[in-house]
Amino acid sequence: MTIWLFIVAAMIVAMVVIGGITRLTESGLSITQWKPISGTLPPLTDAAWQAEFDNYKKIPEYTQINRGMTLDGFKAIFFWEYAHRLFGRVIGMAFALPLLWFAIRRQVPKGYGWRLTAILALGGLQGAIGWWMVASGLSVRTDVSHVRLAVHLMTALVLLAGIVWTALDLRQLDRRALARPAAMRSVALLALVLLFAQIMFGAFTAGLDAGYAFASWPLMGDAWFPSGTPMTDPTWRNAVDNPVVVQFIHRWLAFAAAAALALLAWRAAQAGAKRAALLVMGLVVLQIGLGIATLLSGVWIVIAVAHQANAALLLVATIWAAHALGRRGTAA
């Protein structure tokens, strides 16, 4: 079961990458209907392609931004959204079918059935969240809600974290029949909360196109925070809806998260998990470098996608270190 869960986790990381490409290529609204079953097949005839294109022409993104797009241009953005939805279905089947097989054969260890079922249910909900996100951009807006985008990404990462943690618990159980599930230590919880918060602001940054606001580092233009930035009321909404404020928070929250992750890595190394600790620190440094490079490059898609992919890998490494710290008698 451990290998199966690690494979699904790797697929979710790949899904995060595909999702990042879908967002950065502005492809997410190209499919305007949710067809969980029939939508598995792409358009197969010229008439079917034209029908999909005609549906796209009805939404604000086309009428206000992409008016005049050719059918070939539409096919290019359709590809990424279709790949994103199809791979989501593949991941669902890759989790559900083996789980059913293990359940029928009574190979699910005692105490893990509810956890695996909860992960399956959350995966199903993720599909609905994805459509909820897309629906926000079909009638009034010319893009999807950045808040719903963040919910969609964070749900995917909660799934990833849950699957990796469960796989590590089961690996311990394979090694020692009486092994108990690892506990979440306070330092690990702090690191994960700050990492999730940082990734959430990364999603806000992507959804608001806030990365384009200032392509300089460490200053935003010629100041740490640009004077004269228009603010909204109530004040707290600036942290969610104001691109300049969101970029500012995303820039500097990174270092608070990095400090917490460094503390976790140090504690994990003390507990014997030196490889996990080194991986966490290496990915933290890489993530900060990729974040700065994303800004300085003007959000070049290759670097931006690498930044998002590395965030998912950093989460996996953090879960590994947190799990190692939460085990009694760790030696990893």
C-alpha atoms as a PDB file:
ATOM      1  CA  MET A   1       0.000   0.000   0.000  1.00  0.00           C
ATOM      2  CA  THR A   2       2.888   2.353   0.687  1.00  0.00           C
ATOM      3  CA  ILE A   3       4.126   2.282  -2.906  1.00  0.00           C
ATOM      4  CA  TRP A   4       0.586   2.922  -4.182  1.00  0.00           C
ATOM      5  CA  LEU A   5       0.206   6.000  -1.987  1.00  0.00           C
ATOM      6  CA  PHE A   6       3.595   7.403  -2.976  1.00  0.00           C
ATOM      7  CA  ILE A   7       2.652   6.978  -6.645  1.00  0.00           C
ATOM      8  CA  VAL A   8      -0.606   8.877  -6.084  1.00  0.00           C
ATOM      9  CA  ALA A   9       1.327  11.592  -4.237  1.00  0.00           C
ATOM     10  CA  ALA A  10       3.690  11.939  -7.210  1.00  0.00           C
ATOM     11  CA  MET A  11       0.671  12.250  -9.485  1.00  0.00           C
ATOM     12  CA  ILE A  12      -0.704  15.075  -7.337  1.00  0.00           C
ATOM     13  CA  VAL A  13       2.607  16.918  -7.589  1.00  0.00           C
ATOM     14  CA  ALA A  14       2.373  16.548 -11.374  1.00  0.00           C
ATOM     15  CA  MET A  15      -1.213  17.795 -11.185  1.00  0.00           C
ATOM     16  CA  VAL A  16      -0.064  20.924  -9.341  1.00  0.00           C
ATOM     17  CA  VAL A  17       2.383  21.561 -12.182  1.00  0.00           C
ATOM     18  CA  ILE A  18      -0.337  21.118 -14.819  1.00  0.00           C
ATOM     19  CA  GLY A  19      -2.614  23.401 -12.824  1.00  0.00           C
ATOM     20  CA  GLY A  20       0.097  26.056 -12.717  1.00  0.00           C
ATOM     21  CA  ILE A  21       0.564  25.880 -16.473  1.00  0.00           C
ATOM     22  CA  THR A  22      -3.210  26.069 -16.946  1.00  0.00           C
ATOM     23  CA  ARG A  23      -3.375  29.245 -14.877  1.00  0.00           C
ATOM     24  CA  LEU A  24      -0.310  30.907 -16.409  1.00  0.00           C
ATOM     25  CA  THR A  25      -1.479  30.219 -19.979  1.00  0.00           C
ATOM     26  CA  GLU A  26      -4.943  31.621 -19.144  1.00  0.00           C
ATOM     27  CA  SER A  27      -6.494  28.305 -20.187  1.00  0.00           C
ATOM     28  CA  GLY A  28      -8.761  27.642 -17.220  1.00  0.00           C
ATOM     29  CA  LEU A  29     -11.990  29.017 -18.715  1.00  0.00           C
ATOM     30  CA  SER A  30     -11.728  27.311 -22.095  1.00  0.00           C
ATOM     31  CA  ILE A  31     -14.126  24.519 -21.042  1.00  0.00           C
ATOM     32  CA  THR A  32     -17.358  26.124 -19.906  1.00  0.00           C
ATOM     33  CA  GLN A  33     -19.295  23.040 -18.845  1.00  0.00           C
ATOM     34  CA  TRP A  34     -18.793  20.414 -16.173  1.00  0.00           C
ATOM     35  CA  LYS A  35     -19.353  16.922 -17.534  1.00  0.00           C
ATOM     36  CA  PRO A  36     -17.763  14.450 -15.116  1.00  0.00           C
ATOM     37  CA  ILE A  37     -18.446  11.431 -17.344  1.00  0.00           C
ATOM     38  CA  SER A  38     -18.916  12.567 -20.949  1.00  0.00           C
ATOM     39  CA  GLY A  39     -16.249  15.240 -20.526  1.00  0.00           C
ATOM     40  CA  THR A  40     -13.611  12.520 -20.411  1.00  0.00           C
ATOM     41  CA  LEU A  41     -13.500  12.548 -24.209  1.00  0.00           C
ATOM     42  CA  PRO A  42     -12.229  15.635 -26.058  1.00  0.00           C
ATOM     43  CA  PRO A  43     -14.025  17.014 -29.143  1.00  0.00           C
ATOM     44  CA  LEU A  44     -13.529  14.480 -31.918  1.00  0.00           C
ATOM     45  CA  THR A  45     -15.097  16.233 -34.903  1.00  0.00           C
ATOM     46  CA  ASP A  46     -14.937  19.691 -36.435  1.00  0.00           C
ATOM     47  CA  ALA A  47     -18.535  20.263 -35.372  1.00  0.00           C
ATOM     48  CA  ALA A  48     -17.734  19.307 -31.776  1.00  0.00           C
ATOM     49  CA  TRP A  49     -14.763  21.675 -31.725  1.00  0.00           C
ATOM     50  CA  GLN A  50     -16.875  24.487 -33.104  1.00  0.00           C
ATOM     51  CA  ALA A  51     -19.555  23.850 -30.466  1.00  0.00           C
ATOM     52  CA  GLU A  52     -16.957  24.113 -27.689  1.00  0.00           C
ATOM     53  CA  PHE A  53     -15.576  27.293 -29.240  1.00  0.00           C
ATOM     54  CA  ASP A  54     -19.060  28.771 -29.525  1.00  0.00           C
ATOM     55  CA  ASN A  55     -19.620  28.125 -25.811  1.00  0.00           C
ATOM     56  CA  TYR A  56     -16.353  29.902 -25.018  1.00  0.00           C
ATOM     57  CA  LYS A  57     -17.404  32.898 -27.129  1.00  0.00           C
ATOM     58  CA  LYS A  58     -20.311  33.526 -24.742  1.00  0.00           C
ATOM     59  CA  ILE A  59     -18.193  34.263 -21.657  1.00  0.00           C
ATOM     60  CA  PRO A  60     -16.597  37.615 -20.711  1.00  0.00           C
ATOM     61  CA  GLU A  61     -13.018  36.373 -21.133  1.00  0.00           C
ATOM     62  CA  TYR A  62     -13.651  35.999 -24.854  1.00  0.00           C
ATOM     63  CA  THR A  63     -15.859  39.054 -25.401  1.00  0.00           C
ATOM     64  CA  GLN A  64     -13.614  41.418 -23.427  1.00  0.00           C
ATOM     65  CA  ILE A  65     -10.115  39.980 -23.862  1.00  0.00           C
ATOM     66  CA  ASN A  66      -9.848  37.293 -26.547  1.00  0.00           C
ATOM     67  CA  ARG A  67     -12.338  38.513 -29.141  1.00  0.00           C
ATOM     68  CA  GLY A  68     -11.066  37.503 -32.556  1.00  0.00           C
ATOM     69  CA  MET A  69      -9.280  34.379 -31.293  1.00  0.00           C
ATOM     70  CA  THR A  70      -9.027  31.699 -33.963  1.00  0.00           C
ATOM     71  CA  LEU A  71     -10.173  28.126 -33.543  1.00  0.00           C
ATOM     72  CA  ASP A  72      -6.536  27.000 -33.495  1.00  0.00           C
ATOM     73  CA  GLY A  73      -5.828  29.479 -30.714  1.00  0.00           C
ATOM     74  CA  PHE A  74      -8.776  28.117 -28.784  1.00  0.00           C
ATOM     75  CA  LYS A  75      -7.526  24.565 -29.220  1.00  0.00           C
ATOM     76  CA  ALA A  76      -4.206  25.582 -27.645  1.00  0.00           C
ATOM     77  CA  ILE A  77      -5.802  26.823 -24.412  1.00  0.00           C
ATOM     78  CA  PHE A  78      -8.381  24.015 -24.447  1.00  0.00           C
ATOM     79  CA  PHE A  79      -5.527  21.480 -24.327  1.00  0.00           C
ATOM     80  CA  TRP A  80      -4.251  22.509 -20.898  1.00  0.00           C
ATOM     81  CA  GLU A  81      -7.663  22.721 -19.238  1.00  0.00           C
ATOM     82  CA  TYR A  82      -8.647  19.370 -20.742  1.00  0.00           C
ATOM     83  CA  ALA A  83      -5.351  17.804 -19.594  1.00  0.00           C
ATOM     84  CA  HIS A  84      -5.926  19.235 -16.114  1.00  0.00           C
ATOM     85  CA  ARG A  85      -9.440  17.803 -15.831  1.00  0.00           C
ATOM     86  CA  LEU A  86      -8.539  14.447 -17.397  1.00  0.00           C
ATOM     87  CA  PHE A  87      -5.537  13.940 -15.130  1.00  0.00           C
ATOM     88  CA  GLY A  88      -7.731  14.748 -12.144  1.00  0.00           C
ATOM     89  CA  ARG A  89     -10.006  11.884 -13.158  1.00  0.00           C
ATOM     90  CA  VAL A  90      -6.990   9.590 -13.589  1.00  0.00           C
ATOM     91  CA  ILE A  91      -5.770  10.433 -10.090  1.00  0.00           C
ATOM     92  CA  GLY A  92      -9.228   9.724  -8.686  1.00  0.00           C
ATOM     93  CA  MET A  93      -9.273   6.294 -10.296  1.00  0.00           C
ATOM     94  CA  ALA A  94      -5.670   5.625  -9.268  1.00  0.00           C
ATOM     95  CA  PHE A  95      -6.703   6.159  -5.659  1.00  0.00           C
ATOM     96  CA  ALA A  96     -10.226   4.710  -5.590  1.00  0.00           C
ATOM     97  CA  LEU A  97      -9.720   1.424  -7.455  1.00  0.00           C
ATOM     98  CA  PRO A  98      -6.699   0.160  -5.466  1.00  0.00           C
ATOM     99  CA  LEU A  99      -8.404   1.243  -2.232  1.00  0.00           C
ATOM    100  CA  LEU A 100     -11.445  -0.814  -3.186  1.00  0.00           C
ATOM    101  CA  TRP A 101      -9.170  -3.769  -4.017  1.00  0.00           C
ATOM    102  CA  PHE A 102      -7.354  -3.565  -0.677  1.00  0.00           C
ATOM    103  CA  ALA A 103     -10.667  -3.215   1.168  1.00  0.00           C
ATOM    104  CA  ILE A 104     -12.180  -6.272  -0.540  1.00  0.00           C
ATOM    105  CA  ARG A 105      -9.102  -8.322   0.309  1.00  0.00           C
ATOM    106  CA  ARG A 106      -9.154  -6.961   3.874  1.00  0.00           C
ATOM    107  CA  GLN A 107      -5.619  -5.641   3.533  1.00  0.00           C
ATOM    108  CA  VAL A 108      -6.318  -2.181   4.966  1.00  0.00           C
ATOM    109  CA  PRO A 109      -4.655  -2.074   8.398  1.00  0.00           C
ATOM    110  CA  LYS A 110      -6.895  -1.498  11.374  1.00  0.00           C
ATOM    111  CA  GLY A 111      -7.460   2.190  12.019  1.00  0.00           C
ATOM    112  CA  TYR A 112      -6.560   3.317   8.498  1.00  0.00           C
ATOM    113  CA  GLY A 113      -9.847   2.654   6.721  1.00  0.00           C
ATOM    114  CA  TRP A 114     -11.476   5.869   7.913  1.00  0.00           C
ATOM    115  CA  ARG A 115      -8.401   7.912   7.010  1.00  0.00           C
ATOM    116  CA  LEU A 116      -8.173   6.549   3.473  1.00  0.00           C
ATOM    117  CA  THR A 117     -11.930   6.969   3.008  1.00  0.00           C
ATOM    118  CA  ALA A 118     -11.684  10.598   4.156  1.00  0.00           C
ATOM    119  CA  ILE A 119      -8.909  11.212   1.627  1.00  0.00           C
ATOM    120  CA  LEU A 120     -11.073   9.673  -1.097  1.00  0.00           C
ATOM    121  CA  ALA A 121     -14.013  11.893  -0.122  1.00  0.00           C
ATOM    122  CA  LEU A 122     -11.823  14.998  -0.114  1.00  0.00           C
ATOM    123  CA  GLY A 123     -10.550  14.036  -3.559  1.00  0.00           C
ATOM    124  CA  GLY A 124     -14.123  13.872  -4.818  1.00  0.00           C
ATOM    125  CA  LEU A 125     -14.846  17.245  -3.253  1.00  0.00           C
ATOM    126  CA  GLN A 126     -11.777  18.646  -4.997  1.00  0.00           C
ATOM    127  CA  GLY A 127     -13.426  18.016  -8.352  1.00  0.00           C
ATOM    128  CA  ALA A 128     -16.469  20.001  -7.257  1.00  0.00           C
ATOM    129  CA  ILE A 129     -14.220  22.783  -5.935  1.00  0.00           C
ATOM    130  CA  GLY A 130     -12.499  22.920  -9.316  1.00  0.00           C
ATOM    131  CA  TRP A 131     -15.820  23.500 -11.065  1.00  0.00           C
ATOM    132  CA  TRP A 132     -16.848  26.036  -8.388  1.00  0.00           C
ATOM    133  CA  MET A 133     -13.653  27.897  -9.212  1.00  0.00           C
ATOM    134  CA  VAL A 134     -14.237  27.801 -12.979  1.00  0.00           C
ATOM    135  CA  ALA A 135     -17.877  28.869 -12.578  1.00  0.00           C
ATOM    136  CA  SER A 136     -16.727  32.121 -10.953  1.00  0.00           C
ATOM    137  CA  GLY A 137     -15.309  33.261 -14.290  1.00  0.00           C
ATOM    138  CA  LEU A 138     -18.148  32.357 -16.642  1.00  0.00           C
ATOM    139  CA  SER A 139     -20.658  35.179 -16.235  1.00  0.00           C
ATOM    140  CA  VAL A 140     -19.294  38.476 -14.874  1.00  0.00           C
ATOM    141  CA  ARG A 141     -15.544  38.175 -14.349  1.00  0.00           C
ATOM    142  CA  THR A 142     -12.933  37.734 -17.074  1.00  0.00           C
ATOM    143  CA  ASP A 143     -10.973  35.318 -14.869  1.00  0.00           C
ATOM    144  CA  VAL A 144     -11.613  32.964 -11.982  1.00  0.00           C
ATOM    145  CA  SER A 145     -11.872  34.155  -8.391  1.00  0.00           C
ATOM    146  CA  HIS A 146      -8.402  34.203  -6.849  1.00  0.00           C
ATOM    147  CA  VAL A 147      -9.939  33.122  -3.531  1.00  0.00           C
ATOM    148  CA  ARG A 148     -11.524  30.070  -5.140  1.00  0.00           C
ATOM    149  CA  LEU A 149      -8.258  29.396  -6.946  1.00  0.00           C
ATOM    150  CA  ALA A 150      -6.486  29.393  -3.583  1.00  0.00           C
ATOM    151  CA  VAL A 151      -9.098  27.034  -2.084  1.00  0.00           C
ATOM    152  CA  HIS A 152      -8.607  24.676  -5.042  1.00  0.00           C
ATOM    153  CA  LEU A 153      -4.816  24.655  -4.673  1.00  0.00           C
ATOM    154  CA  MET A 154      -4.856  24.360  -0.892  1.00  0.00           C
ATOM    155  CA  THR A 155      -7.257  21.412  -1.050  1.00  0.00           C
ATOM    156  CA  ALA A 156      -4.886  19.656  -3.451  1.00  0.00           C
ATOM    157  CA  LEU A 157      -1.996  20.248  -1.062  1.00  0.00           C
ATOM    158  CA  VAL A 158      -3.979  19.030   1.956  1.00  0.00           C
ATOM    159  CA  LEU A 159      -4.643  15.857  -0.040  1.00  0.00           C
ATOM    160  CA  LEU A 160      -0.951  15.582  -0.873  1.00  0.00           C
ATOM    161  CA  ALA A 161       0.074  16.062   2.753  1.00  0.00           C
ATOM    162  CA  GLY A 162      -2.486  13.551   4.006  1.00  0.00           C
ATOM    163  CA  ILE A 163      -1.454  10.905   1.512  1.00  0.00           C
ATOM    164  CA  VAL A 164       2.275  11.301   2.203  1.00  0.00           C
ATOM    165  CA  TRP A 165       1.745  11.255   5.991  1.00  0.00           C
ATOM    166  CA  THR A 166      -0.409   8.130   5.698  1.00  0.00           C
ATOM    167  CA  ALA A 167       2.150   6.440   3.446  1.00  0.00           C
ATOM    168  CA  LEU A 168       4.879   7.144   5.993  1.00  0.00           C
ATOM    169  CA  ASP A 169       2.706   5.746   8.806  1.00  0.00           C
ATOM    170  CA  LEU A 170       2.086   2.591   6.780  1.00  0.00           C
ATOM    171  CA  ARG A 171       5.783   2.264   5.967  1.00  0.00           C
ATOM    172  CA  GLN A 172       6.514   2.267   9.695  1.00  0.00           C
ATOM    173  CA  LEU A 173       3.775  -0.304  10.209  1.00  0.00           C
ATOM    174  CA  ASP A 174       5.401  -2.533   7.567  1.00  0.00           C
ATOM    175  CA  ARG A 175       8.671  -2.321   9.455  1.00  0.00           C
ATOM    176  CA  ARG A 176       7.232  -2.818  12.938  1.00  0.00           C
ATOM    177  CA  ALA A 177       3.868  -4.505  13.404  1.00  0.00           C
ATOM    178  CA  LEU A 178       3.141  -2.537  16.578  1.00  0.00           C
ATOM    179  CA  ALA A 179       4.217   0.868  15.229  1.00  0.00           C
ATOM    180  CA  ARG A 180       1.844   3.671  16.161  1.00  0.00           C
ATOM    181  CA  PRO A 181       0.946   6.601  13.870  1.00  0.00           C
ATOM    182  CA  ALA A 182       3.305   9.552  14.193  1.00  0.00           C
ATOM    183  CA  ALA A 183       2.241  12.568  16.234  1.00  0.00           C
ATOM    184  CA  MET A 184       2.246  16.159  15.011  1.00  0.00           C
ATOM    185  CA  ARG A 185       4.737  18.118  17.120  1.00  0.00           C
ATOM    186  CA  SER A 186       4.197  21.803  17.803  1.00  0.00           C
ATOM    187  CA  VAL A 187       7.247  22.937  15.833  1.00  0.00           C
ATOM    188  CA  ALA A 188       6.082  20.897  12.852  1.00  0.00           C
ATOM    189  CA  LEU A 189       2.582  22.337  13.102  1.00  0.00           C
ATOM    190  CA  LEU A 190       3.990  25.878  13.157  1.00  0.00           C
ATOM    191  CA  ALA A 191       6.134  25.198  10.085  1.00  0.00           C
ATOM    192  CA  LEU A 192       3.219  23.678   8.192  1.00  0.00           C
ATOM    193  CA  VAL A 193       0.829  26.508   9.083  1.00  0.00           C
ATOM    194  CA  LEU A 194       3.295  29.127   7.855  1.00  0.00           C
ATOM    195  CA  LEU A 195       4.124  27.107   4.735  1.00  0.00           C
ATOM    196  CA  PHE A 196       0.436  26.708   3.883  1.00  0.00           C
ATOM    197  CA  ALA A 197      -0.127  30.427   4.505  1.00  0.00           C
ATOM    198  CA  GLN A 198       2.761  31.308   2.208  1.00  0.00           C
ATOM    199  CA  ILE A 199       1.461  29.024  -0.530  1.00  0.00           C
ATOM    200  CA  MET A 200      -2.025  30.515  -0.113  1.00  0.00           C
ATOM    201  CA  PHE A 201      -0.617  33.991  -0.701  1.00  0.00           C
ATOM    202  CA  GLY A 202       1.216  32.557  -3.681  1.00  0.00           C
ATOM    203  CA  ALA A 203      -2.157  31.479  -5.058  1.00  0.00           C
ATOM    204  CA  PHE A 204      -3.552  34.959  -4.390  1.00  0.00           C
ATOM    205  CA  THR A 205      -0.534  36.406  -6.190  1.00  0.00           C
ATOM    206  CA  ALA A 206      -1.144  34.178  -9.211  1.00  0.00           C
ATOM    207  CA  GLY A 207      -4.893  34.744  -9.260  1.00  0.00           C
ATOM    208  CA  LEU A 208      -4.566  38.539  -9.049  1.00  0.00           C
ATOM    209  CA  ASP A 209      -1.624  38.644 -11.488  1.00  0.00           C
ATOM    210  CA  ALA A 210       0.114  40.407  -8.613  1.00  0.00           C
ATOM    211  CA  GLY A 211       3.482  39.079  -9.703  1.00  0.00           C
ATOM    212  CA  TYR A 212       3.443  41.626 -12.522  1.00  0.00           C
ATOM    213  CA  ALA A 213       2.963  44.572 -10.142  1.00  0.00           C
ATOM    214  CA  PHE A 214       6.676  45.035  -9.374  1.00  0.00           C
ATOM    215  CA  ALA A 215       9.466  43.139 -11.128  1.00  0.00           C
ATOM    216  CA  SER A 216      12.238  44.218  -8.757  1.00  0.00           C
ATOM    217  CA  TRP A 217      13.937  42.865  -5.638  1.00  0.00           C
ATOM    218  CA  PRO A 218      14.237  43.519  -2.730  1.00  0.00           C
ATOM    219  CA  LEU A 219      12.506  46.867  -3.218  1.00  0.00           C
ATOM    220  CA  MET A 220       9.132  47.261  -4.868  1.00  0.00           C
ATOM    221  CA  GLY A 221      10.134  49.873  -7.374  1.00  0.00           C
ATOM    222  CA  ASP A 222      12.175  52.333  -5.348  1.00  0.00           C
ATOM    223  CA  ALA A 223      10.649  51.617  -1.918  1.00  0.00           C
ATOM    224  CA  TRP A 224      10.119  48.722   0.465  1.00  0.00           C
ATOM    225  CA  PHE A 225       6.402  49.372   0.079  1.00  0.00           C
ATOM    226  CA  PRO A 226       5.278  51.803  -2.651  1.00  0.00           C
ATOM    227  CA  SER A 227       3.748  54.978  -1.299  1.00  0.00           C
ATOM    228  CA  GLY A 228       0.460  56.063  -2.773  1.00  0.00           C
ATOM    229  CA  THR A 229      -0.785  52.510  -3.194  1.00  0.00           C
ATOM    230  CA  PRO A 230      -4.601  52.675  -3.408  1.00  0.00           C
ATOM    231  CA  MET A 231      -6.191  50.911  -0.457  1.00  0.00           C
ATOM    232  CA  THR A 232      -9.621  49.364  -0.094  1.00  0.00           C
ATOM    233  CA  ASP A 233     -12.048  49.443   2.806  1.00  0.00           C
ATOM    234  CA  PRO A 234     -12.255  47.551   5.104  1.00  0.00           C
ATOM    235  CA  THR A 235      -8.485  47.506   5.562  1.00  0.00           C
ATOM    236  CA  TRP A 236      -8.179  43.740   6.018  1.00  0.00           C
ATOM    237  CA  ARG A 237      -9.429  43.138   2.475  1.00  0.00           C
ATOM    238  CA  ASN A 238      -6.192  44.571   1.128  1.00  0.00           C
ATOM    239  CA  ALA A 239      -4.433  41.401   2.290  1.00  0.00           C
ATOM    240  CA  VAL A 240      -6.743  39.398   0.037  1.00  0.00           C
ATOM    241  CA  ASP A 241      -7.747  41.640  -2.876  1.00  0.00           C
ATOM    242  CA  ASN A 242      -5.038  44.288  -3.316  1.00  0.00           C
ATOM    243  CA  PRO A 243      -2.334  43.010  -5.721  1.00  0.00           C
ATOM    244  CA  VAL A 244       0.378  45.277  -4.311  1.00  0.00           C
ATOM    245  CA  VAL A 245      -0.311  44.293  -0.698  1.00  0.00           C
ATOM    246  CA  VAL A 246      -0.612  40.625  -1.626  1.00  0.00           C
ATOM    247  CA  GLN A 247       2.750  40.691  -3.408  1.00  0.00           C
ATOM    248  CA  PHE A 248       4.316  42.470  -0.405  1.00  0.00           C
ATOM    249  CA  ILE A 249       2.994  39.855   2.032  1.00  0.00           C
ATOM    250  CA  HIS A 250       4.059  36.997  -0.234  1.00  0.00           C
ATOM    251  CA  ARG A 251       7.594  38.444  -0.461  1.00  0.00           C
ATOM    252  CA  TRP A 252       8.194  38.701   3.276  1.00  0.00           C
ATOM    253  CA  LEU A 253       6.044  35.947   4.728  1.00  0.00           C
ATOM    254  CA  ALA A 254       8.430  33.656   2.844  1.00  0.00           C
ATOM    255  CA  PHE A 255      11.172  34.404   5.372  1.00  0.00           C
ATOM    256  CA  ALA A 256       8.958  33.717   8.372  1.00  0.00           C
ATOM    257  CA  ALA A 257       8.032  30.385   6.807  1.00  0.00           C
ATOM    258  CA  ALA A 258      11.703  29.717   6.015  1.00  0.00           C
ATOM    259  CA  ALA A 259      12.688  30.369   9.636  1.00  0.00           C
ATOM    260  CA  ALA A 260      10.042  27.945  10.914  1.00  0.00           C
ATOM    261  CA  LEU A 261      11.089  25.337   8.359  1.00  0.00           C
ATOM    262  CA  ALA A 262      14.728  25.767   9.384  1.00  0.00           C
ATOM    263  CA  LEU A 263      13.755  25.168  13.013  1.00  0.00           C
ATOM    264  CA  LEU A 264      11.832  22.045  11.984  1.00  0.00           C
ATOM    265  CA  ALA A 265      14.809  20.830   9.949  1.00  0.00           C
ATOM    266  CA  TRP A 266      17.146  21.369  12.918  1.00  0.00           C
ATOM    267  CA  ARG A 267      14.822  19.463  15.240  1.00  0.00           C
ATOM    268  CA  ALA A 268      14.404  16.668  12.701  1.00  0.00           C
ATOM    269  CA  ALA A 269      18.165  16.378  12.283  1.00  0.00           C
ATOM    270  CA  GLN A 270      18.542  16.111  16.057  1.00  0.00           C
ATOM    271  CA  ALA A 271      15.991  13.291  15.981  1.00  0.00           C
ATOM    272  CA  GLY A 272      18.073  11.421  13.397  1.00  0.00           C
ATOM    273  CA  ALA A 273      16.243  12.449  10.215  1.00  0.00           C
ATOM    274  CA  LYS A 274      19.221  14.177   8.624  1.00  0.00           C
ATOM    275  CA  ARG A 275      18.239  13.458   5.016  1.00  0.00           C
ATOM    276  CA  ALA A 276      14.785  14.929   5.524  1.00  0.00           C
ATOM    277  CA  ALA A 277      16.318  17.966   7.229  1.00  0.00           C
ATOM    278  CA  LEU A 278      18.796  18.562   4.403  1.00  0.00           C
ATOM    279  CA  LEU A 279      16.067  18.182   1.801  1.00  0.00           C
ATOM    280  CA  VAL A 280      13.844  20.703   3.568  1.00  0.00           C
ATOM    281  CA  MET A 281      16.611  23.292   3.753  1.00  0.00           C
ATOM    282  CA  GLY A 282      17.736  22.725   0.182  1.00  0.00           C
ATOM    283  CA  LEU A 283      14.206  23.156  -1.137  1.00  0.00           C
ATOM    284  CA  VAL A 284      13.632  26.247   1.045  1.00  0.00           C
ATOM    285  CA  VAL A 285      16.681  27.957  -0.458  1.00  0.00           C
ATOM    286  CA  LEU A 286      15.637  26.900  -3.961  1.00  0.00           C
ATOM    287  CA  GLN A 287      12.073  28.116  -3.387  1.00  0.00           C
ATOM    288  CA  ILE A 288      13.177  31.576  -2.293  1.00  0.00           C
ATOM    289  CA  GLY A 289      15.540  31.765  -5.273  1.00  0.00           C
ATOM    290  CA  LEU A 290      12.793  30.724  -7.678  1.00  0.00           C
ATOM    291  CA  GLY A 291      10.399  33.249  -6.141  1.00  0.00           C
ATOM    292  CA  ILE A 292      12.853  36.106  -6.648  1.00  0.00           C
ATOM    293  CA  ALA A 293      13.666  34.869 -10.164  1.00  0.00           C
ATOM    294  CA  THR A 294       9.939  34.740 -10.993  1.00  0.00           C
ATOM    295  CA  LEU A 295       9.619  38.424 -10.101  1.00  0.00           C
ATOM    296  CA  LEU A 296      12.807  39.546 -11.861  1.00  0.00           C
ATOM    297  CA  SER A 297      11.905  37.601 -15.023  1.00  0.00           C
ATOM    298  CA  GLY A 298       8.514  39.283 -15.309  1.00  0.00           C
ATOM    299  CA  VAL A 299       6.807  35.993 -14.375  1.00  0.00           C
ATOM    300  CA  TRP A 300       8.439  33.878 -17.072  1.00  0.00           C
ATOM    301  CA  ILE A 301       6.234  30.808 -17.260  1.00  0.00           C
ATOM    302  CA  VAL A 302       9.084  28.272 -16.967  1.00  0.00           C
ATOM    303  CA  ILE A 303      10.375  29.791 -13.728  1.00  0.00           C
ATOM    304  CA  ALA A 304       6.871  30.426 -12.362  1.00  0.00           C
ATOM    305  CA  VAL A 305       5.845  26.803 -12.924  1.00  0.00           C
ATOM    306  CA  ALA A 306       9.090  25.598 -11.333  1.00  0.00           C
ATOM    307  CA  HIS A 307       8.303  27.833  -8.331  1.00  0.00           C
ATOM    308  CA  GLN A 308       4.881  26.205  -7.932  1.00  0.00           C
ATOM    309  CA  ALA A 309       6.235  22.691  -8.446  1.00  0.00           C
ATOM    310  CA  ASN A 310       8.961  23.264  -5.867  1.00  0.00           C
ATOM    311  CA  ALA A 311       6.340  24.448  -3.367  1.00  0.00           C
ATOM    312  CA  ALA A 312       4.646  21.056  -3.644  1.00  0.00           C
ATOM    313  CA  LEU A 313       7.979  19.248  -3.252  1.00  0.00           C
ATOM    314  CA  LEU A 314       8.818  21.414  -0.243  1.00  0.00           C
ATOM    315  CA  LEU A 315       5.525  20.412   1.335  1.00  0.00           C
ATOM    316  CA  VAL A 316       6.375  16.723   0.813  1.00  0.00           C
ATOM    317  CA  ALA A 317       9.808  17.229   2.385  1.00  0.00           C
ATOM    318  CA  THR A 318       8.244  19.115   5.300  1.00  0.00           C
ATOM    319  CA  ILE A 319       5.782  16.286   5.903  1.00  0.00           C
ATOM    320  CA  TRP A 320       8.680  13.821   5.842  1.00  0.00           C
ATOM    321  CA  ALA A 321      10.605  15.844   8.450  1.00  0.00           C
ATOM    322  CA  ALA A 322       7.482  16.427  10.567  1.00  0.00           C
ATOM    323  CA  HIS A 323       6.620  12.737  10.475  1.00  0.00           C
ATOM    324  CA  ALA A 324      10.165  11.743  11.441  1.00  0.00           C
ATOM    325  CA  LEU A 325      10.054  14.151  14.367  1.00  0.00           C
ATOM    326  CA  GLY A 326       6.711  12.735  15.455  1.00  0.00           C
ATOM    327  CA  ARG A 327       7.900   9.156  15.647  1.00  0.00           C
ATOM    328  CA  ARG A 328       9.343   7.623  18.758  1.00  0.00           C
ATOM    329  CA  GLY A 329      12.871   6.309  18.334  1.00  0.00           C
ATOM    330  CA  THR A 330      13.324   7.817  14.844  1.00  0.00           C
ATOM    331  CA  ALA A 331      16.269   6.861  12.732  1.00  0.00           C
ATOM    332  CA  ALA A 332      15.821   8.128   9.184  1.00  0.00           C
END
